[in-house]
Amino acid sequence: EVTDTPSRKDIIDHGLKEGDFRLYTPELVTPNRLIFLNGQVEVSMAAETVFYESTVHPAMFAHKNPQTVAILAGPVGLGSGLIREILKHDTITSLTAWHTNAQLVEEIVPTHLSALDDCQFLVGRADQCSKDPLVSLKYYGEENFSDVISSTDDLFSQQQQDLIFILDFESILKTTTESSPLSFSQILQGLLVNGLTDEGILLIPCGNAAAIHDPRPDLGEHARREQLFLALEALPEVATILVYEEAHTGHLEPESYILV
């Protein structure tokens, strides 16, 4: 936009100094890029740093010693920026990320969205986050998503996790109503029992925070989120459910998150 001014990165890249008139014009501003997955805006590159920081670090600091972490990205979900933020924690011993789109993660992100996969500033990490020895990338096709999410005992057969990030709970909910033999509660129970250690944490981004003028939660646009709350509250394995909202995500409205 004509009112944009150079970012810190633009200033460094172009060697701008105090008094340079280009500091006050859009001439050297890097254009923003939006990532759309299945029609939804996943990331705005102009604000990706604050978005991924607000998603990752509250959950990481909620665990006293997070070592094993998993990212479960459905058809709508990209874990590249999460990998970068998780690797900032020196307690990590393994990080496994499941995606449905290998081309997006291994070709498009490094080529066109390289900031998401940049760990050059992290001491002791690989320059490319996804190539770090602690990181394991795994893939399944969208058509196999229901099979994968329904088989948590196979998914985490080798190692339970201290933290699991679920980036697309609505696709899981949709899967349980269309093609999975298991209910939503059964899948969540499988994640908690088979996937997590005894003090493990589940982090689920839940979209825009509820507003004061919203209708009853089970009738409005957050009806699926209400189903998630009810399913979690009914599980005996759940010790605590914490909800937090974060306005500093780069999005127009505050985002809500569930820590289980």
C-alpha atoms as a PDB file:
ATOM      1  CA  GLU A   1       0.000   0.000   0.000  1.00  0.00           C
ATOM      2  CA  VAL A   2       1.126   3.591  -0.530  1.00  0.00           C
ATOM      3  CA  THR A   3       1.243   4.141   3.245  1.00  0.00           C
ATOM      4  CA  ASP A   4       3.614   1.192   3.879  1.00  0.00           C
ATOM      5  CA  THR A   5       7.183   1.847   5.013  1.00  0.00           C
ATOM      6  CA  PRO A   6      10.186  -0.516   5.004  1.00  0.00           C
ATOM      7  CA  SER A   7      10.372  -3.240   7.615  1.00  0.00           C
ATOM      8  CA  ARG A   8      13.473  -3.858   9.712  1.00  0.00           C
ATOM      9  CA  LYS A   9      14.505  -6.555   7.236  1.00  0.00           C
ATOM     10  CA  ASP A  10      14.011  -4.165   4.303  1.00  0.00           C
ATOM     11  CA  ILE A  11      16.159  -1.559   6.056  1.00  0.00           C
ATOM     12  CA  ILE A  12      18.981  -4.062   6.633  1.00  0.00           C
ATOM     13  CA  ASP A  13      18.749  -5.618   3.150  1.00  0.00           C
ATOM     14  CA  HIS A  14      18.964  -2.231   1.410  1.00  0.00           C
ATOM     15  CA  GLY A  15      21.437  -0.606   3.797  1.00  0.00           C
ATOM     16  CA  LEU A  16      19.149   2.292   4.615  1.00  0.00           C
ATOM     17  CA  LYS A  17      20.497   4.925   6.993  1.00  0.00           C
ATOM     18  CA  GLU A  18      18.869   7.595   9.121  1.00  0.00           C
ATOM     19  CA  GLY A  19      17.695  10.468   6.964  1.00  0.00           C
ATOM     20  CA  ASP A  20      17.203   8.372   3.810  1.00  0.00           C
ATOM     21  CA  PHE A  21      13.891   9.541   2.298  1.00  0.00           C
ATOM     22  CA  ARG A  22      13.097   5.944   1.256  1.00  0.00           C
ATOM     23  CA  LEU A  23      12.455   5.142   4.922  1.00  0.00           C
ATOM     24  CA  TYR A  24       9.186   7.043   4.534  1.00  0.00           C
ATOM     25  CA  THR A  25       8.025   5.690   1.160  1.00  0.00           C
ATOM     26  CA  PRO A  26       6.824   2.267  -0.107  1.00  0.00           C
ATOM     27  CA  GLU A  27       9.614   2.178  -2.720  1.00  0.00           C
ATOM     28  CA  LEU A  28      11.628  -0.603  -1.044  1.00  0.00           C
ATOM     29  CA  VAL A  29       8.826  -2.329   0.856  1.00  0.00           C
ATOM     30  CA  THR A  30       8.726  -6.098   0.363  1.00  0.00           C
ATOM     31  CA  PRO A  31       5.198  -7.042  -0.787  1.00  0.00           C
ATOM     32  CA  ASN A  32       3.173  -9.145   1.613  1.00  0.00           C
ATOM     33  CA  ARG A  33       2.374 -12.738   0.702  1.00  0.00           C
ATOM     34  CA  LEU A  34      -0.669 -14.635   1.881  1.00  0.00           C
ATOM     35  CA  ILE A  35      -0.762 -18.426   2.053  1.00  0.00           C
ATOM     36  CA  PHE A  36      -4.151 -19.922   1.223  1.00  0.00           C
ATOM     37  CA  LEU A  37      -4.842 -23.577   1.997  1.00  0.00           C
ATOM     38  CA  ASN A  38      -8.162 -24.958   0.770  1.00  0.00           C
ATOM     39  CA  GLY A  39      -9.596 -21.451   0.523  1.00  0.00           C
ATOM     40  CA  GLN A  40      -8.495 -20.314   3.980  1.00  0.00           C
ATOM     41  CA  VAL A  41      -5.767 -17.809   4.814  1.00  0.00           C
ATOM     42  CA  GLU A  42      -3.157 -19.820   6.687  1.00  0.00           C
ATOM     43  CA  VAL A  43      -0.399 -17.221   7.086  1.00  0.00           C
ATOM     44  CA  SER A  44       0.272 -13.601   6.259  1.00  0.00           C
ATOM     45  CA  MET A  45       4.023 -13.287   5.722  1.00  0.00           C
ATOM     46  CA  ALA A  46       3.911  -9.719   7.022  1.00  0.00           C
ATOM     47  CA  ALA A  47       2.873 -11.039  10.438  1.00  0.00           C
ATOM     48  CA  GLU A  48       3.996 -14.669  10.442  1.00  0.00           C
ATOM     49  CA  THR A  49       6.535 -14.134  13.240  1.00  0.00           C
ATOM     50  CA  VAL A  50       4.024 -12.956  15.835  1.00  0.00           C
ATOM     51  CA  PHE A  51       1.467 -15.531  14.666  1.00  0.00           C
ATOM     52  CA  TYR A  52       3.755 -18.521  15.181  1.00  0.00           C
ATOM     53  CA  GLU A  53       5.239 -17.128  18.391  1.00  0.00           C
ATOM     54  CA  SER A  54       1.780 -16.754  19.942  1.00  0.00           C
ATOM     55  CA  THR A  55       0.874 -20.293  18.872  1.00  0.00           C
ATOM     56  CA  VAL A  56       4.004 -22.110  20.052  1.00  0.00           C
ATOM     57  CA  HIS A  57       5.529 -20.529  23.131  1.00  0.00           C
ATOM     58  CA  PRO A  58       2.608 -20.518  25.627  1.00  0.00           C
ATOM     59  CA  ALA A  59       2.310 -24.287  25.186  1.00  0.00           C
ATOM     60  CA  MET A  60       6.068 -24.859  25.329  1.00  0.00           C
ATOM     61  CA  PHE A  61       6.437 -22.868  28.543  1.00  0.00           C
ATOM     62  CA  ALA A  62       3.412 -24.597  30.074  1.00  0.00           C
ATOM     63  CA  HIS A  63       5.410 -27.849  30.123  1.00  0.00           C
ATOM     64  CA  LYS A  64       8.234 -28.049  32.647  1.00  0.00           C
ATOM     65  CA  ASN A  65      10.602 -29.934  30.318  1.00  0.00           C
ATOM     66  CA  PRO A  66       9.332 -30.349  26.734  1.00  0.00           C
ATOM     67  CA  GLN A  67      11.540 -32.830  24.891  1.00  0.00           C
ATOM     68  CA  THR A  68       9.398 -34.668  22.341  1.00  0.00           C
ATOM     69  CA  VAL A  69       7.012 -32.610  20.217  1.00  0.00           C
ATOM     70  CA  ALA A  70       4.668 -33.483  17.351  1.00  0.00           C
ATOM     71  CA  ILE A  71       2.802 -31.300  14.870  1.00  0.00           C
ATOM     72  CA  LEU A  72      -0.324 -32.734  13.286  1.00  0.00           C
ATOM     73  CA  ALA A  73      -1.321 -30.595  10.305  1.00  0.00           C
ATOM     74  CA  GLY A  74      -4.474 -31.563   8.458  1.00  0.00           C
ATOM     75  CA  PRO A  75      -5.583 -30.481   4.978  1.00  0.00           C
ATOM     76  CA  VAL A  76      -5.658 -26.907   6.305  1.00  0.00           C
ATOM     77  CA  GLY A  77      -2.470 -26.449   8.281  1.00  0.00           C
ATOM     78  CA  LEU A  78       1.202 -25.589   7.761  1.00  0.00           C
ATOM     79  CA  GLY A  79       3.755 -26.468  10.423  1.00  0.00           C
ATOM     80  CA  SER A  80       6.895 -24.873   8.958  1.00  0.00           C
ATOM     81  CA  GLY A  81       6.776 -21.740  11.102  1.00  0.00           C
ATOM     82  CA  LEU A  82       5.973 -23.808  14.176  1.00  0.00           C
ATOM     83  CA  ILE A  83       9.086 -25.927  13.607  1.00  0.00           C
ATOM     84  CA  ARG A  84      11.228 -22.781  13.634  1.00  0.00           C
ATOM     85  CA  GLU A  85       9.733 -21.534  16.900  1.00  0.00           C
ATOM     86  CA  ILE A  86       9.861 -24.939  18.621  1.00  0.00           C
ATOM     87  CA  LEU A  87      13.566 -25.287  17.761  1.00  0.00           C
ATOM     88  CA  LYS A  88      14.250 -22.137  19.794  1.00  0.00           C
ATOM     89  CA  HIS A  89      13.796 -24.304  22.908  1.00  0.00           C
ATOM     90  CA  ASP A  90      17.000 -26.134  23.818  1.00  0.00           C
ATOM     91  CA  THR A  91      15.179 -28.906  25.709  1.00  0.00           C
ATOM     92  CA  ILE A  92      13.899 -30.431  22.452  1.00  0.00           C
ATOM     93  CA  THR A  93      15.228 -33.894  21.556  1.00  0.00           C
ATOM     94  CA  SER A  94      12.826 -34.791  18.727  1.00  0.00           C
ATOM     95  CA  LEU A  95      10.265 -32.976  16.614  1.00  0.00           C
ATOM     96  CA  THR A  96       7.943 -34.830  14.239  1.00  0.00           C
ATOM     97  CA  ALA A  97       5.651 -33.005  11.824  1.00  0.00           C
ATOM     98  CA  TRP A  98       2.908 -34.660   9.766  1.00  0.00           C
ATOM     99  CA  HIS A  99       1.587 -32.832   6.694  1.00  0.00           C
ATOM    100  CA  THR A 100      -0.688 -33.676   3.787  1.00  0.00           C
ATOM    101  CA  ASN A 101       1.262 -31.699   1.174  1.00  0.00           C
ATOM    102  CA  ALA A 102       4.945 -32.565   0.635  1.00  0.00           C
ATOM    103  CA  GLN A 103       5.328 -30.122  -2.267  1.00  0.00           C
ATOM    104  CA  LEU A 104       4.190 -27.223  -0.098  1.00  0.00           C
ATOM    105  CA  VAL A 105       6.605 -28.045   2.732  1.00  0.00           C
ATOM    106  CA  GLU A 106       9.680 -29.110   0.743  1.00  0.00           C
ATOM    107  CA  GLU A 107       9.463 -26.966  -2.408  1.00  0.00           C
ATOM    108  CA  ILE A 108       7.179 -23.946  -2.068  1.00  0.00           C
ATOM    109  CA  VAL A 109       8.156 -22.916   1.475  1.00  0.00           C
ATOM    110  CA  PRO A 110      11.979 -23.036   0.987  1.00  0.00           C
ATOM    111  CA  THR A 111      11.718 -21.289  -2.401  1.00  0.00           C
ATOM    112  CA  HIS A 112       9.040 -18.650  -1.919  1.00  0.00           C
ATOM    113  CA  LEU A 113       8.411 -18.483   1.838  1.00  0.00           C
ATOM    114  CA  SER A 114      11.935 -19.070   3.111  1.00  0.00           C
ATOM    115  CA  ALA A 115      11.466 -16.997   6.293  1.00  0.00           C
ATOM    116  CA  LEU A 116       9.250 -19.781   7.656  1.00  0.00           C
ATOM    117  CA  ASP A 117      12.098 -22.285   7.333  1.00  0.00           C
ATOM    118  CA  ASP A 118      15.015 -20.035   8.325  1.00  0.00           C
ATOM    119  CA  CYS A 119      16.987 -21.115  11.419  1.00  0.00           C
ATOM    120  CA  GLN A 120      20.294 -19.421  10.553  1.00  0.00           C
ATOM    121  CA  PHE A 121      19.957 -17.207  13.619  1.00  0.00           C
ATOM    122  CA  LEU A 122      19.586 -20.176  15.994  1.00  0.00           C
ATOM    123  CA  VAL A 123      22.886 -21.373  17.447  1.00  0.00           C
ATOM    124  CA  GLY A 124      23.392 -25.105  17.034  1.00  0.00           C
ATOM    125  CA  ARG A 125      20.550 -25.573  14.537  1.00  0.00           C
ATOM    126  CA  ALA A 126      20.651 -26.292  10.807  1.00  0.00           C
ATOM    127  CA  ASP A 127      20.321 -23.227   8.569  1.00  0.00           C
ATOM    128  CA  GLN A 128      17.098 -24.691   7.160  1.00  0.00           C
ATOM    129  CA  CYS A 129      14.789 -25.611  10.056  1.00  0.00           C
ATOM    130  CA  SER A 130      13.229 -28.606   8.315  1.00  0.00           C
ATOM    131  CA  LYS A 131      16.709 -30.078   7.726  1.00  0.00           C
ATOM    132  CA  ASP A 132      17.695 -30.004  11.385  1.00  0.00           C
ATOM    133  CA  PRO A 133      18.714 -33.465  12.707  1.00  0.00           C
ATOM    134  CA  LEU A 134      16.011 -33.283  15.387  1.00  0.00           C
ATOM    135  CA  VAL A 135      13.241 -32.771  12.825  1.00  0.00           C
ATOM    136  CA  SER A 136      11.388 -35.601  11.107  1.00  0.00           C
ATOM    137  CA  LEU A 137       8.914 -34.755   8.317  1.00  0.00           C
ATOM    138  CA  LYS A 138       6.168 -37.257   7.523  1.00  0.00           C
ATOM    139  CA  TYR A 139       3.365 -37.120   4.980  1.00  0.00           C
ATOM    140  CA  TYR A 140      -0.017 -38.617   4.275  1.00  0.00           C
ATOM    141  CA  GLY A 141      -2.431 -37.752   1.490  1.00  0.00           C
ATOM    142  CA  GLU A 142      -5.631 -35.838   2.197  1.00  0.00           C
ATOM    143  CA  GLU A 143      -7.580 -38.918   1.154  1.00  0.00           C
ATOM    144  CA  ASN A 144      -5.829 -40.874   3.954  1.00  0.00           C
ATOM    145  CA  PHE A 145      -6.396 -38.247   6.635  1.00  0.00           C
ATOM    146  CA  SER A 146      -9.311 -40.093   8.239  1.00  0.00           C
ATOM    147  CA  ASP A 147      -7.312 -43.325   8.439  1.00  0.00           C
ATOM    148  CA  VAL A 148      -4.302 -41.586   9.953  1.00  0.00           C
ATOM    149  CA  ILE A 149      -6.155 -39.582  12.578  1.00  0.00           C
ATOM    150  CA  SER A 150      -8.196 -42.645  13.569  1.00  0.00           C
ATOM    151  CA  SER A 151      -5.060 -44.730  14.217  1.00  0.00           C
ATOM    152  CA  THR A 152      -3.321 -42.811  16.989  1.00  0.00           C
ATOM    153  CA  ASP A 153      -1.875 -46.027  18.406  1.00  0.00           C
ATOM    154  CA  ASP A 154       0.007 -46.487  15.117  1.00  0.00           C
ATOM    155  CA  LEU A 155       0.761 -42.787  14.739  1.00  0.00           C
ATOM    156  CA  PHE A 156       2.620 -42.633  18.055  1.00  0.00           C
ATOM    157  CA  SER A 157       3.682 -46.261  18.354  1.00  0.00           C
ATOM    158  CA  GLN A 158       7.396 -45.441  18.558  1.00  0.00           C
ATOM    159  CA  GLN A 159       7.308 -42.549  20.999  1.00  0.00           C
ATOM    160  CA  GLN A 160       4.810 -40.634  23.075  1.00  0.00           C
ATOM    161  CA  GLN A 161       4.996 -36.859  22.942  1.00  0.00           C
ATOM    162  CA  ASP A 162       5.323 -34.160  25.579  1.00  0.00           C
ATOM    163  CA  LEU A 163       3.404 -31.787  23.319  1.00  0.00           C
ATOM    164  CA  ILE A 164       1.156 -32.253  20.306  1.00  0.00           C
ATOM    165  CA  PHE A 165       0.051 -29.283  18.189  1.00  0.00           C
ATOM    166  CA  ILE A 166      -3.172 -29.944  16.252  1.00  0.00           C
ATOM    167  CA  LEU A 167      -3.459 -27.293  13.553  1.00  0.00           C
ATOM    168  CA  ASP A 168      -6.748 -28.299  11.954  1.00  0.00           C
ATOM    169  CA  PHE A 169      -9.261 -29.653  14.473  1.00  0.00           C
ATOM    170  CA  GLU A 170     -12.202 -28.789  12.192  1.00  0.00           C
ATOM    171  CA  SER A 171     -10.944 -31.257   9.581  1.00  0.00           C
ATOM    172  CA  ILE A 172     -10.728 -33.908  12.316  1.00  0.00           C
ATOM    173  CA  LEU A 173     -14.298 -33.124  13.341  1.00  0.00           C
ATOM    174  CA  LYS A 174     -15.432 -33.240   9.711  1.00  0.00           C
ATOM    175  CA  THR A 175     -13.612 -36.538   9.240  1.00  0.00           C
ATOM    176  CA  THR A 176     -15.394 -38.162  12.182  1.00  0.00           C
ATOM    177  CA  THR A 177     -18.797 -37.236  10.767  1.00  0.00           C
ATOM    178  CA  GLU A 178     -18.080 -38.370   7.208  1.00  0.00           C
ATOM    179  CA  SER A 179     -15.575 -41.211   6.940  1.00  0.00           C
ATOM    180  CA  SER A 180     -14.111 -42.274  10.278  1.00  0.00           C
ATOM    181  CA  PRO A 181     -15.542 -45.208  12.254  1.00  0.00           C
ATOM    182  CA  LEU A 182     -14.561 -43.408  15.468  1.00  0.00           C
ATOM    183  CA  SER A 183     -16.338 -40.528  17.166  1.00  0.00           C
ATOM    184  CA  PHE A 184     -14.665 -37.166  17.765  1.00  0.00           C
ATOM    185  CA  SER A 185     -14.349 -37.988  21.474  1.00  0.00           C
ATOM    186  CA  GLN A 186     -12.718 -41.335  20.699  1.00  0.00           C
ATOM    187  CA  ILE A 187     -10.117 -39.687  18.461  1.00  0.00           C
ATOM    188  CA  LEU A 188      -9.318 -37.059  21.107  1.00  0.00           C
ATOM    189  CA  GLN A 189      -9.083 -39.814  23.709  1.00  0.00           C
ATOM    190  CA  GLY A 190      -6.706 -41.728  21.439  1.00  0.00           C
ATOM    191  CA  LEU A 191      -4.480 -38.658  21.105  1.00  0.00           C
ATOM    192  CA  LEU A 192      -4.402 -38.167  24.874  1.00  0.00           C
ATOM    193  CA  VAL A 193      -3.852 -41.820  25.805  1.00  0.00           C
ATOM    194  CA  ASN A 194      -1.666 -43.044  22.935  1.00  0.00           C
ATOM    195  CA  GLY A 195       0.013 -39.814  21.895  1.00  0.00           C
ATOM    196  CA  LEU A 196       0.894 -37.950  25.078  1.00  0.00           C
ATOM    197  CA  THR A 197       3.104 -38.666  28.073  1.00  0.00           C
ATOM    198  CA  ASP A 198       1.475 -38.507  31.519  1.00  0.00           C
ATOM    199  CA  GLU A 199       2.129 -34.760  31.783  1.00  0.00           C
ATOM    200  CA  GLY A 200       1.725 -34.123  28.073  1.00  0.00           C
ATOM    201  CA  ILE A 201      -0.026 -31.099  26.592  1.00  0.00           C
ATOM    202  CA  LEU A 202      -2.336 -30.774  23.607  1.00  0.00           C
ATOM    203  CA  LEU A 203      -2.458 -27.341  21.897  1.00  0.00           C
ATOM    204  CA  ILE A 204      -5.336 -26.600  19.542  1.00  0.00           C
ATOM    205  CA  PRO A 205      -5.765 -23.242  17.719  1.00  0.00           C
ATOM    206  CA  CYS A 206      -9.508 -22.528  17.528  1.00  0.00           C
ATOM    207  CA  GLY A 207      -9.871 -19.570  15.185  1.00  0.00           C
ATOM    208  CA  ASN A 208     -11.266 -16.132  16.002  1.00  0.00           C
ATOM    209  CA  ALA A 209     -12.032 -15.463  19.650  1.00  0.00           C
ATOM    210  CA  ALA A 210     -15.686 -15.321  20.648  1.00  0.00           C
ATOM    211  CA  ALA A 211     -17.213 -11.840  20.864  1.00  0.00           C
ATOM    212  CA  ILE A 212     -19.767 -10.385  23.246  1.00  0.00           C
ATOM    213  CA  HIS A 213     -22.497 -10.231  20.589  1.00  0.00           C
ATOM    214  CA  ASP A 214     -22.103 -13.834  19.411  1.00  0.00           C
ATOM    215  CA  PRO A 215     -25.130 -16.129  19.738  1.00  0.00           C
ATOM    216  CA  ARG A 216     -25.188 -19.228  21.931  1.00  0.00           C
ATOM    217  CA  PRO A 217     -21.955 -21.123  21.118  1.00  0.00           C
ATOM    218  CA  ASP A 218     -23.647 -24.272  19.828  1.00  0.00           C
ATOM    219  CA  LEU A 219     -25.696 -22.257  17.318  1.00  0.00           C
ATOM    220  CA  GLY A 220     -23.259 -19.671  15.970  1.00  0.00           C
ATOM    221  CA  GLU A 221     -20.132 -19.795  13.835  1.00  0.00           C
ATOM    222  CA  HIS A 222     -18.246 -21.383  16.734  1.00  0.00           C
ATOM    223  CA  ALA A 223     -20.486 -24.447  16.930  1.00  0.00           C
ATOM    224  CA  ARG A 224     -17.644 -26.806  16.035  1.00  0.00           C
ATOM    225  CA  ARG A 225     -15.463 -25.294  18.739  1.00  0.00           C
ATOM    226  CA  GLU A 226     -18.257 -25.900  21.236  1.00  0.00           C
ATOM    227  CA  GLN A 227     -18.285 -29.550  20.154  1.00  0.00           C
ATOM    228  CA  LEU A 228     -14.553 -29.663  20.871  1.00  0.00           C
ATOM    229  CA  PHE A 229     -15.037 -28.203  24.370  1.00  0.00           C
ATOM    230  CA  LEU A 230     -17.816 -30.651  25.210  1.00  0.00           C
ATOM    231  CA  ALA A 231     -15.803 -33.607  23.929  1.00  0.00           C
ATOM    232  CA  LEU A 232     -12.750 -32.634  25.999  1.00  0.00           C
ATOM    233  CA  GLU A 233     -14.773 -31.968  29.152  1.00  0.00           C
ATOM    234  CA  ALA A 234     -16.258 -35.466  28.959  1.00  0.00           C
ATOM    235  CA  LEU A 235     -12.888 -37.255  28.849  1.00  0.00           C
ATOM    236  CA  PRO A 236     -11.595 -38.602  32.191  1.00  0.00           C
ATOM    237  CA  GLU A 237      -8.005 -38.373  30.899  1.00  0.00           C
ATOM    238  CA  VAL A 238      -8.205 -34.563  30.772  1.00  0.00           C
ATOM    239  CA  ALA A 239      -6.858 -32.958  33.938  1.00  0.00           C
ATOM    240  CA  THR A 240      -7.063 -29.297  32.917  1.00  0.00           C
ATOM    241  CA  ILE A 241      -8.485 -27.244  30.061  1.00  0.00           C
ATOM    242  CA  LEU A 242      -7.098 -23.748  29.638  1.00  0.00           C
ATOM    243  CA  VAL A 243      -8.339 -21.250  27.065  1.00  0.00           C
ATOM    244  CA  TYR A 244      -6.372 -18.179  26.093  1.00  0.00           C
ATOM    245  CA  GLU A 245      -6.875 -15.453  23.536  1.00  0.00           C
ATOM    246  CA  GLU A 246      -4.122 -13.553  21.776  1.00  0.00           C
ATOM    247  CA  ALA A 247      -4.608 -10.305  19.873  1.00  0.00           C
ATOM    248  CA  HIS A 248      -0.994  -9.997  18.660  1.00  0.00           C
ATOM    249  CA  THR A 249      -1.147 -12.538  15.839  1.00  0.00           C
ATOM    250  CA  GLY A 250      -1.185 -10.212  12.850  1.00  0.00           C
ATOM    251  CA  HIS A 251      -4.805 -11.109  12.138  1.00  0.00           C
ATOM    252  CA  LEU A 252      -7.677  -8.643  12.187  1.00  0.00           C
ATOM    253  CA  GLU A 253      -9.304 -10.345  15.187  1.00  0.00           C
ATOM    254  CA  PRO A 254      -7.868 -12.025  18.293  1.00  0.00           C
ATOM    255  CA  GLU A 255      -7.159 -15.751  18.015  1.00  0.00           C
ATOM    256  CA  SER A 256      -8.259 -18.314  20.590  1.00  0.00           C
ATOM    257  CA  TYR A 257      -6.330 -21.397  21.725  1.00  0.00           C
ATOM    258  CA  ILE A 258      -7.004 -24.413  23.923  1.00  0.00           C
ATOM    259  CA  LEU A 259      -4.342 -25.985  26.127  1.00  0.00           C
ATOM    260  CA  VAL A 260      -5.273 -29.451  27.410  1.00  0.00           C
END
